[in-house]
């Protein structure tokens, strides 16, 4: 899948909206970490390094949503393709 540079901001916003709809909080924090999905007590949290570039933020958020399980919810074809193809690579 080829994504144009200018599309990444909208994709990030769409992914954040989906995460919120699924009951997950998306947080952008600073630190020495990649980011991803975790449970804190009963809260679903997706933490993304705020110093990562835009593409990396999309990859981390898409991978976290994939881990949360988006198979049974409606997603636009483009967003579903992004989630299915993105994977965290160190």
N, C-alpha and C. Protein backbone atom coordinates (compact mmCIF):
# COMPACT_ATOMS: atom_id res chain seq x y z
N UNK A 1 0.85 -1.19 0.00
CA UNK A 1 0.00 0.00 0.00
C UNK A 1 0.88 1.23 0.00
N UNK A 2 0.60 2.13 -0.87
CA UNK A 2 1.34 3.39 -0.97
C UNK A 2 0.49 4.50 -0.37
N UNK A 3 1.05 5.17 0.64
CA UNK A 3 0.35 6.28 1.29
C UNK A 3 1.13 7.55 1.01
N UNK A 4 0.42 8.56 0.56
CA UNK A 4 1.06 9.85 0.30
C UNK A 4 1.34 10.54 1.64
N UNK A 5 2.42 11.30 1.66
CA UNK A 5 2.85 11.99 2.87
C UNK A 5 1.72 12.81 3.51
N UNK A 6 0.97 13.52 2.69
CA UNK A 6 -0.08 14.39 3.22
C UNK A 6 -1.27 13.62 3.79
N UNK A 7 -1.37 12.31 3.52
CA UNK A 7 -2.48 11.51 4.01
C UNK A 7 -2.26 11.00 5.43
N UNK A 8 -1.01 10.98 5.89
CA UNK A 8 -0.71 10.39 7.19
C UNK A 8 -1.42 11.09 8.35
N UNK A 9 -1.53 12.42 8.31
CA UNK A 9 -2.19 13.15 9.41
C UNK A 9 -3.65 12.75 9.52
N UNK A 10 -4.36 12.66 8.39
CA UNK A 10 -5.77 12.26 8.42
C UNK A 10 -5.91 10.81 8.87
N UNK A 11 -5.02 9.95 8.42
CA UNK A 11 -5.08 8.54 8.84
C UNK A 11 -4.86 8.44 10.34
N UNK A 12 -3.91 9.21 10.88
CA UNK A 12 -3.67 9.20 12.33
C UNK A 12 -4.91 9.65 13.07
N UNK A 13 -5.57 10.69 12.60
CA UNK A 13 -6.79 11.17 13.24
C UNK A 13 -7.89 10.11 13.18
N UNK A 14 -8.03 9.44 12.04
CA UNK A 14 -9.03 8.39 11.89
C UNK A 14 -8.75 7.23 12.84
N UNK A 15 -7.48 6.85 12.96
CA UNK A 15 -7.11 5.75 13.85
C UNK A 15 -7.35 6.12 15.32
N UNK A 16 -7.06 7.37 15.69
CA UNK A 16 -7.33 7.82 17.06
C UNK A 16 -8.83 7.77 17.35
N UNK A 17 -9.65 8.17 16.39
CA UNK A 17 -11.10 8.12 16.56
C UNK A 17 -11.56 6.68 16.78
N UNK A 18 -11.06 5.76 15.99
CA UNK A 18 -11.42 4.34 16.12
C UNK A 18 -11.01 3.82 17.50
N UNK A 19 -9.81 4.16 17.93
CA UNK A 19 -9.33 3.72 19.25
C UNK A 19 -10.27 4.22 20.34
N UNK A 20 -10.64 5.49 20.27
CA UNK A 20 -11.56 6.05 21.27
C UNK A 20 -12.91 5.36 21.24
N UNK A 21 -13.41 5.06 20.03
CA UNK A 21 -14.68 4.35 19.91
C UNK A 21 -14.61 2.95 20.53
N UNK A 22 -13.42 2.36 20.51
CA UNK A 22 -13.23 1.03 21.09
C UNK A 22 -12.93 1.09 22.59
N UNK A 23 -12.92 2.29 23.15
CA UNK A 23 -12.70 2.44 24.58
C UNK A 23 -11.24 2.50 24.98
N UNK A 24 -10.36 2.75 24.02
CA UNK A 24 -8.94 2.85 24.32
C UNK A 24 -8.51 4.31 24.33
N UNK A 25 -7.70 4.66 25.30
CA UNK A 25 -7.15 6.01 25.37
C UNK A 25 -5.84 6.04 24.60
N UNK A 26 -5.66 7.05 23.77
CA UNK A 26 -4.41 7.22 23.03
C UNK A 26 -3.64 8.34 23.69
N UNK A 27 -2.40 8.02 24.09
CA UNK A 27 -1.56 9.02 24.75
C UNK A 27 -0.24 9.16 24.00
N UNK A 28 0.18 10.39 23.83
CA UNK A 28 1.47 10.68 23.22
C UNK A 28 2.40 11.13 24.34
N UNK A 29 3.42 10.34 24.61
CA UNK A 29 4.33 10.59 25.72
C UNK A 29 5.77 10.65 25.21
N UNK A 30 6.62 11.30 25.98
CA UNK A 30 8.03 11.31 25.61
C UNK A 30 8.77 10.24 26.40
N UNK A 31 9.80 9.69 25.79
CA UNK A 31 10.59 8.67 26.44
C UNK A 31 11.33 7.83 25.43
N UNK A 32 12.04 6.85 25.93
CA UNK A 32 12.83 5.96 25.10
C UNK A 32 12.07 4.64 24.92
N UNK A 33 11.05 4.66 24.07
CA UNK A 33 10.23 3.48 23.84
C UNK A 33 9.59 3.58 22.46
N UNK A 34 9.13 2.45 21.95
CA UNK A 34 8.47 2.42 20.65
C UNK A 34 7.01 2.79 20.82
N UNK A 35 6.34 2.16 21.76
CA UNK A 35 4.92 2.41 21.99
C UNK A 35 4.11 1.18 21.67
N UNK A 36 2.83 1.23 22.00
CA UNK A 36 1.94 0.12 21.73
C UNK A 36 0.76 0.10 22.68
N UNK A 37 0.10 -1.04 22.70
CA UNK A 37 -1.12 -1.23 23.48
C UNK A 37 -0.80 -1.89 24.81
N UNK A 38 -1.46 -1.44 25.87
CA UNK A 38 -1.31 -2.08 27.17
C UNK A 38 -2.59 -1.88 27.98
N UNK A 39 -2.70 -2.65 29.03
CA UNK A 39 -3.80 -2.50 29.99
C UNK A 39 -3.24 -1.94 31.28
N UNK A 40 -3.87 -0.92 31.80
CA UNK A 40 -3.48 -0.35 33.07
C UNK A 40 -4.71 -0.45 33.96
N UNK A 41 -4.64 -1.39 34.87
CA UNK A 41 -5.82 -1.79 35.64
C UNK A 41 -6.86 -2.27 34.64
N UNK A 42 -7.97 -1.58 34.46
CA UNK A 42 -8.98 -2.00 33.49
C UNK A 42 -9.03 -1.07 32.27
N UNK A 43 -8.13 -0.10 32.23
CA UNK A 43 -8.12 0.87 31.14
C UNK A 43 -7.26 0.38 29.98
N UNK A 44 -7.81 0.47 28.76
CA UNK A 44 -7.05 0.18 27.55
C UNK A 44 -6.31 1.45 27.16
N UNK A 45 -5.01 1.35 27.03
CA UNK A 45 -4.20 2.52 26.72
C UNK A 45 -3.25 2.19 25.56
N UNK A 46 -3.18 3.10 24.63
CA UNK A 46 -2.21 3.01 23.54
C UNK A 46 -1.26 4.18 23.72
N UNK A 47 0.00 3.87 23.93
CA UNK A 47 1.00 4.91 24.17
C UNK A 47 1.88 5.00 22.93
N UNK A 48 2.07 6.22 22.47
CA UNK A 48 2.88 6.49 21.29
C UNK A 48 3.93 7.52 21.66
N UNK A 49 5.16 7.28 21.22
CA UNK A 49 6.23 8.23 21.48
C UNK A 49 5.95 9.51 20.69
N UNK A 50 5.80 10.61 21.41
CA UNK A 50 5.42 11.86 20.76
C UNK A 50 6.53 12.43 19.88
N UNK A 51 7.75 11.93 20.02
CA UNK A 51 8.85 12.40 19.19
C UNK A 51 9.04 11.56 17.93
N UNK A 52 8.23 10.51 17.77
CA UNK A 52 8.29 9.71 16.55
C UNK A 52 7.76 10.51 15.38
N UNK A 53 8.21 10.15 14.17
CA UNK A 53 7.67 10.84 13.00
C UNK A 53 6.23 10.37 12.76
N UNK A 54 5.54 11.07 11.91
CA UNK A 54 4.12 10.82 11.66
C UNK A 54 3.86 9.40 11.17
N UNK A 55 4.70 8.91 10.26
CA UNK A 55 4.52 7.56 9.75
C UNK A 55 4.65 6.53 10.86
N UNK A 56 5.62 6.72 11.74
CA UNK A 56 5.83 5.79 12.86
C UNK A 56 4.63 5.80 13.80
N UNK A 57 4.06 6.96 14.05
CA UNK A 57 2.88 7.05 14.91
C UNK A 57 1.72 6.26 14.30
N UNK A 58 1.55 6.37 12.98
CA UNK A 58 0.49 5.61 12.31
C UNK A 58 0.74 4.12 12.43
N UNK A 59 1.99 3.69 12.25
CA UNK A 59 2.32 2.26 12.35
C UNK A 59 2.03 1.74 13.75
N UNK A 60 2.46 2.47 14.77
CA UNK A 60 2.25 2.03 16.16
C UNK A 60 0.76 1.96 16.48
N UNK A 61 0.02 2.98 16.10
CA UNK A 61 -1.41 3.01 16.41
C UNK A 61 -2.16 1.93 15.63
N UNK A 62 -1.83 1.74 14.37
CA UNK A 62 -2.47 0.69 13.57
C UNK A 62 -2.18 -0.69 14.14
N UNK A 63 -0.93 -0.92 14.55
CA UNK A 63 -0.56 -2.22 15.15
C UNK A 63 -1.30 -2.45 16.46
N UNK A 64 -1.45 -1.40 17.25
CA UNK A 64 -2.17 -1.53 18.53
C UNK A 64 -3.65 -1.84 18.28
N UNK A 65 -4.24 -1.20 17.30
CA UNK A 65 -5.65 -1.48 16.97
C UNK A 65 -5.81 -2.91 16.47
N UNK A 66 -4.86 -3.36 15.71
CA UNK A 66 -4.88 -4.75 15.23
C UNK A 66 -4.86 -5.71 16.42
N UNK A 67 -4.02 -5.39 17.40
CA UNK A 67 -3.94 -6.21 18.62
C UNK A 67 -5.24 -6.15 19.42
N UNK A 68 -5.88 -5.00 19.44
CA UNK A 68 -7.15 -4.85 20.15
C UNK A 68 -8.26 -5.67 19.49
N UNK A 69 -8.15 -5.85 18.19
CA UNK A 69 -9.16 -6.63 17.47
C UNK A 69 -10.20 -5.77 16.80
N UNK A 70 -10.04 -5.53 15.52
CA UNK A 70 -10.98 -4.69 14.79
C UNK A 70 -11.72 -5.48 13.72
N UNK A 71 -11.63 -6.80 13.78
CA UNK A 71 -12.24 -7.64 12.75
C UNK A 71 -13.75 -7.46 12.66
N UNK A 72 -14.40 -7.27 13.78
CA UNK A 72 -15.86 -7.26 13.81
C UNK A 72 -16.49 -5.87 13.78
N UNK A 73 -15.70 -4.84 13.55
CA UNK A 73 -16.28 -3.50 13.47
C UNK A 73 -16.10 -2.94 12.06
N UNK A 74 -16.99 -2.03 11.68
CA UNK A 74 -16.88 -1.44 10.35
C UNK A 74 -15.73 -0.45 10.31
N UNK A 75 -14.91 -0.59 9.30
CA UNK A 75 -13.84 0.36 9.02
C UNK A 75 -13.89 0.66 7.53
N UNK A 76 -13.54 1.86 7.15
CA UNK A 76 -13.47 2.15 5.72
C UNK A 76 -12.42 1.24 5.11
N UNK A 77 -12.57 0.90 3.84
CA UNK A 77 -11.60 0.00 3.20
C UNK A 77 -10.15 0.49 3.32
N UNK A 78 -9.93 1.78 3.20
CA UNK A 78 -8.57 2.31 3.30
C UNK A 78 -7.99 2.11 4.70
N UNK A 79 -8.78 2.42 5.73
CA UNK A 79 -8.31 2.27 7.11
C UNK A 79 -8.09 0.79 7.43
N UNK A 80 -8.98 -0.09 6.97
CA UNK A 80 -8.79 -1.52 7.21
C UNK A 80 -7.49 -2.00 6.55
N UNK A 81 -7.20 -1.50 5.37
CA UNK A 81 -5.97 -1.89 4.68
C UNK A 81 -4.75 -1.38 5.44
N UNK A 82 -4.83 -0.16 5.95
CA UNK A 82 -3.72 0.39 6.75
C UNK A 82 -3.48 -0.49 7.97
N UNK A 83 -4.53 -0.82 8.69
CA UNK A 83 -4.39 -1.64 9.91
C UNK A 83 -3.86 -3.03 9.57
N UNK A 84 -4.34 -3.62 8.51
CA UNK A 84 -3.89 -4.96 8.15
C UNK A 84 -2.45 -5.01 7.67
N UNK A 85 -1.98 -3.94 7.05
CA UNK A 85 -0.64 -3.95 6.49
C UNK A 85 0.44 -3.38 7.39
N UNK A 86 0.07 -2.56 8.36
CA UNK A 86 1.07 -1.96 9.22
C UNK A 86 1.50 -2.95 10.28
N UNK A 87 2.78 -2.93 10.56
CA UNK A 87 3.33 -3.81 11.58
C UNK A 87 4.57 -3.13 12.17
N UNK A 88 4.75 -3.24 13.46
CA UNK A 88 5.90 -2.62 14.11
C UNK A 88 7.15 -3.39 13.75
N UNK A 89 8.13 -2.65 13.25
CA UNK A 89 9.44 -3.22 12.95
C UNK A 89 10.45 -2.39 13.68
N UNK A 90 11.19 -3.00 14.53
CA UNK A 90 12.19 -2.29 15.34
C UNK A 90 13.34 -1.82 14.49
